[in-house]
């Protein structure tokens, strides 16, 4: 099912995974960590978790934090740093604060403001978004089902993951179930017509 209204098709050809429907706050507070430009994708904290076909345009060869991935405070790197998830989940000073709008390293032939400024905008404080970057499995064999009304959390890979699928266990979220933070409420799951999840952000 597609969203109401019309579109030129240009948004499906964008290099950004996050589409702003009703934007909350575009935030640039914080300086990117070095690994925000160099981390591998997926980060690999969940074994065999991320299936590339689930995300339109996902390319594992792109390094650094991705458009549509979760932005974390990185107190392990400094008092004002942000970036992707740490290799050690539930680390002190590391918590989710929003979702990155753009890929930090940028793509060939695109302007690369993050590289020049050490800033990468993220959306925080509410809003409604469509996102084509999300977890589709929580291990090598268990595909995830997204249902309207599902709570969304940050996975250990730093992508959105449903909290409503029976295959998702505490170890799959970034805090390993110890102090899970609600990222959003799913409004519309992806399907063959629209390969994005649509959600109201709650962080």
Protein backbone atom coordinates (compact mmCIF):
# COMPACT_ATOMS: atom_id res chain seq x y z
CA UNK A 1 0.00 0.00 0.00
CA UNK A 2 1.31 3.43 -0.90
CA UNK A 3 0.89 6.57 1.16
CA UNK A 4 -1.91 8.92 0.16
CA UNK A 5 -1.04 11.63 -2.34
CA UNK A 6 1.15 11.74 -5.39
CA UNK A 7 4.87 11.62 -5.94
CA UNK A 8 7.07 12.06 -8.97
CA UNK A 9 9.05 8.95 -8.15
CA UNK A 10 12.09 11.05 -7.32
CA UNK A 11 12.05 10.01 -3.68
CA UNK A 12 12.50 6.36 -4.70
CA UNK A 13 15.66 7.35 -6.55
CA UNK A 14 17.19 9.23 -3.63
CA UNK A 15 20.41 8.12 -1.99
CA UNK A 16 18.84 8.82 1.42
CA UNK A 17 17.02 6.04 3.25
CA UNK A 18 15.13 8.47 5.50
CA UNK A 19 12.23 10.41 4.00
CA UNK A 20 10.87 13.33 6.03
CA UNK A 21 7.06 13.32 6.02
CA UNK A 22 6.34 15.59 9.01
CA UNK A 23 9.67 16.66 10.42
CA UNK A 24 10.31 17.15 14.13
CA UNK A 25 13.64 18.85 14.83
CA UNK A 26 16.57 18.77 12.43
CA UNK A 27 19.45 18.61 14.85
CA UNK A 28 23.18 19.18 14.34
CA UNK A 29 24.24 19.43 17.98
CA UNK A 30 27.28 17.25 18.44
CA UNK A 31 30.48 16.42 16.55
CA UNK A 32 30.84 13.19 14.63
CA UNK A 33 33.17 10.54 16.00
CA UNK A 34 35.94 9.26 13.77
CA UNK A 35 34.22 5.90 13.42
CA UNK A 36 31.09 7.67 12.15
CA UNK A 37 32.99 7.80 8.84
CA UNK A 38 34.67 4.39 9.01
CA UNK A 39 32.34 1.81 10.63
CA UNK A 40 31.37 -1.20 8.53
CA UNK A 41 27.71 -1.80 7.67
CA UNK A 42 26.04 -3.64 9.11
CA UNK A 43 28.09 -3.18 12.27
CA UNK A 44 27.76 -6.91 12.88
CA UNK A 45 26.66 -6.91 16.50
CA UNK A 46 23.80 -9.28 15.60
CA UNK A 47 25.09 -12.38 13.84
CA UNK A 48 23.74 -12.64 10.30
CA UNK A 49 21.07 -10.10 11.08
CA UNK A 50 20.85 -7.68 8.22
CA UNK A 51 19.56 -8.92 4.87
CA UNK A 52 20.47 -6.46 2.13
CA UNK A 53 17.38 -7.05 -0.05
CA UNK A 54 15.19 -5.59 2.70
CA UNK A 55 16.43 -2.07 2.18
CA UNK A 56 16.12 -0.18 -1.06
CA UNK A 57 19.58 0.98 -2.03
CA UNK A 58 21.43 -0.61 0.92
CA UNK A 59 25.10 -1.05 0.04
CA UNK A 60 27.37 -2.78 2.54
CA UNK A 61 30.41 -1.25 0.84
CA UNK A 62 29.43 2.22 2.13
CA UNK A 63 31.33 3.00 5.33
CA UNK A 64 30.21 5.17 8.24
CA UNK A 65 26.79 5.95 9.67
CA UNK A 66 24.01 5.65 7.13
CA UNK A 67 20.94 7.68 6.33
CA UNK A 68 18.11 6.10 8.32
CA UNK A 69 20.39 4.63 10.99
CA UNK A 70 20.13 5.51 14.67
CA UNK A 71 22.22 8.40 16.03
CA UNK A 72 23.81 7.69 19.41
CA UNK A 73 25.56 9.89 21.94
CA UNK A 74 29.13 8.65 22.17
CA UNK A 75 30.30 9.49 25.65
CA UNK A 76 33.01 6.87 25.21
CA UNK A 77 34.64 9.28 22.71
CA UNK A 78 33.94 12.65 24.34
CA UNK A 79 31.29 14.88 25.90
CA UNK A 80 29.75 16.18 22.64
CA UNK A 81 30.33 13.34 20.18
CA UNK A 82 27.67 11.45 18.24
CA UNK A 83 27.92 8.48 15.93
CA UNK A 84 26.81 4.90 15.39
CA UNK A 85 26.54 2.10 17.96
CA UNK A 86 29.49 0.88 19.98
CA UNK A 87 30.80 -2.67 19.71
CA UNK A 88 29.95 -3.14 23.39
CA UNK A 89 26.18 -2.66 23.81
CA UNK A 90 24.73 -0.81 26.80
CA UNK A 91 27.97 1.12 27.34
CA UNK A 92 27.83 4.11 29.69
CA UNK A 93 27.43 7.44 27.88
CA UNK A 94 25.96 5.80 24.76
CA UNK A 95 22.25 6.27 24.11
CA UNK A 96 20.07 6.91 21.06
CA UNK A 97 19.05 10.49 20.32
CA UNK A 98 17.47 10.33 16.86
CA UNK A 99 17.87 9.08 13.29
CA UNK A 100 20.47 10.31 10.78
CA UNK A 101 19.07 12.13 7.76
CA UNK A 102 22.13 11.68 5.55
CA UNK A 103 24.97 9.22 5.17
CA UNK A 104 28.01 10.79 6.86
CA UNK A 105 30.65 9.85 4.30
CA UNK A 106 28.38 10.84 1.42
CA UNK A 107 28.32 9.25 -2.01
CA UNK A 108 30.49 9.80 -5.06
CA UNK A 109 29.71 13.06 -6.90
CA UNK A 110 27.63 14.40 -4.01
CA UNK A 111 28.40 17.34 -1.79
CA UNK A 112 30.00 16.00 1.41
CA UNK A 113 29.28 18.57 4.13
CA UNK A 114 29.72 16.10 6.98
CA UNK A 115 33.32 15.44 5.98
CA UNK A 116 34.04 19.16 5.93
CA UNK A 117 32.18 20.12 9.11
CA UNK A 118 32.19 16.98 11.30
CA UNK A 119 28.41 17.44 11.48
CA UNK A 120 25.69 15.09 10.26
CA UNK A 121 22.07 16.20 10.77
CA UNK A 122 19.67 13.90 12.56
CA UNK A 123 15.98 14.16 13.39
CA UNK A 124 15.01 14.26 17.03
CA UNK A 125 11.92 15.15 19.06
CA UNK A 126 8.95 13.60 17.30
CA UNK A 127 7.90 13.76 13.64
CA UNK A 128 6.70 11.18 11.10
CA UNK A 129 9.16 9.48 8.77
CA UNK A 130 9.49 6.81 6.11
CA UNK A 131 12.65 4.73 6.43
CA UNK A 132 13.96 2.04 4.11
CA UNK A 133 16.78 1.04 6.49
CA UNK A 134 15.63 -1.40 9.17
CA UNK A 135 16.37 -4.90 10.46
CA UNK A 136 14.65 -7.74 8.62
CA UNK A 137 15.96 -10.63 10.70
CA UNK A 138 17.34 -11.09 14.19
CA UNK A 139 19.49 -14.08 13.32
CA UNK A 140 20.43 -15.95 10.18
CA UNK A 141 17.06 -17.74 9.95
CA UNK A 142 14.37 -15.69 11.69
CA UNK A 143 12.74 -13.15 9.35
CA UNK A 144 10.95 -10.34 11.14
CA UNK A 145 7.35 -9.28 10.60
CA UNK A 146 6.41 -5.64 11.12
CA UNK A 147 2.79 -4.88 12.10
CA UNK A 148 1.08 -1.52 12.48
CA UNK A 149 1.33 -0.41 16.10
CA UNK A 150 4.64 -2.19 16.77
CA UNK A 151 7.10 -0.40 19.06
CA UNK A 152 10.40 0.32 17.33
CA UNK A 153 13.77 0.17 19.07
CA UNK A 154 17.44 0.52 18.12
CA UNK A 155 19.08 -2.80 17.28
CA UNK A 156 22.64 -3.66 18.19
CA UNK A 157 23.54 -2.79 14.59
CA UNK A 158 22.12 0.72 15.00
CA UNK A 159 19.06 0.18 12.77
CA UNK A 160 15.40 0.25 13.71
CA UNK A 161 13.95 -3.08 14.80
CA UNK A 162 10.43 -4.12 15.73
CA UNK A 163 9.62 -4.98 19.31
CA UNK A 164 6.45 -6.82 18.28
CA UNK A 165 7.88 -9.93 16.62
CA UNK A 166 8.23 -13.06 18.76
CA UNK A 167 11.65 -13.75 17.20
CA UNK A 168 13.10 -10.55 18.66
CA UNK A 169 14.69 -11.28 22.01
CA UNK A 170 16.26 -8.92 24.51
CA UNK A 171 19.75 -9.59 23.16
CA UNK A 172 18.78 -8.11 19.77
CA UNK A 173 18.19 -4.58 21.00
CA UNK A 174 21.07 -2.27 21.76
CA UNK A 175 20.58 -2.40 25.51
CA UNK A 176 20.07 -6.17 25.51
CA UNK A 177 16.73 -5.64 27.22
CA UNK A 178 18.23 -3.89 30.22
CA UNK A 179 16.94 -0.37 29.51
CA UNK A 180 15.27 -0.31 26.12
CA UNK A 181 14.30 3.13 24.79
CA UNK A 182 11.27 3.51 22.53
CA UNK A 183 12.30 5.04 19.18
CA UNK A 184 8.89 5.12 17.52
CA UNK A 185 5.49 3.57 16.80
CA UNK A 186 5.03 1.84 13.44
CA UNK A 187 2.22 3.34 11.33
CA UNK A 188 2.72 1.38 8.11
CA UNK A 189 4.88 -1.68 7.40
CA UNK A 190 6.82 -2.01 4.16
CA UNK A 191 5.38 -4.04 1.30
CA UNK A 192 5.93 -4.65 -2.41
CA UNK A 193 4.49 -1.24 -3.31
CA UNK A 194 6.36 0.86 -0.76
CA UNK A 195 9.67 -0.58 0.54
CA UNK A 196 9.75 1.63 3.64
CA UNK A 197 8.45 1.48 7.16
CA UNK A 198 6.47 4.57 8.19
CA UNK A 199 6.53 5.54 11.85
CA UNK A 200 5.87 8.27 14.38
CA UNK A 201 9.13 9.02 16.17
CA UNK A 202 9.00 9.06 19.95
CA UNK A 203 12.51 10.03 20.96
